[in-house]
């Protein structure tokens, strides 16, 4: 696997971890999560609504703060 492929795999893994943590915190299914160019996270819930969470909130979420 080339470097780009490795990086894409790592990003996919991290977004999956964030998605799972977010779903547990919200007690809702998270269907899609992506990061914009500014490092802000966006996710879609089961009802199709798109929500925003900033990087600091993601860190707090992952470390249960």
Foldseek 3Di string as FASTA:
>chain_A
DDPVVVVVVVVVVVVVLLQVLVCVVVVFHWDDWDADPVQKIWTATPVGDIDTDHPVVSVCSVVVD
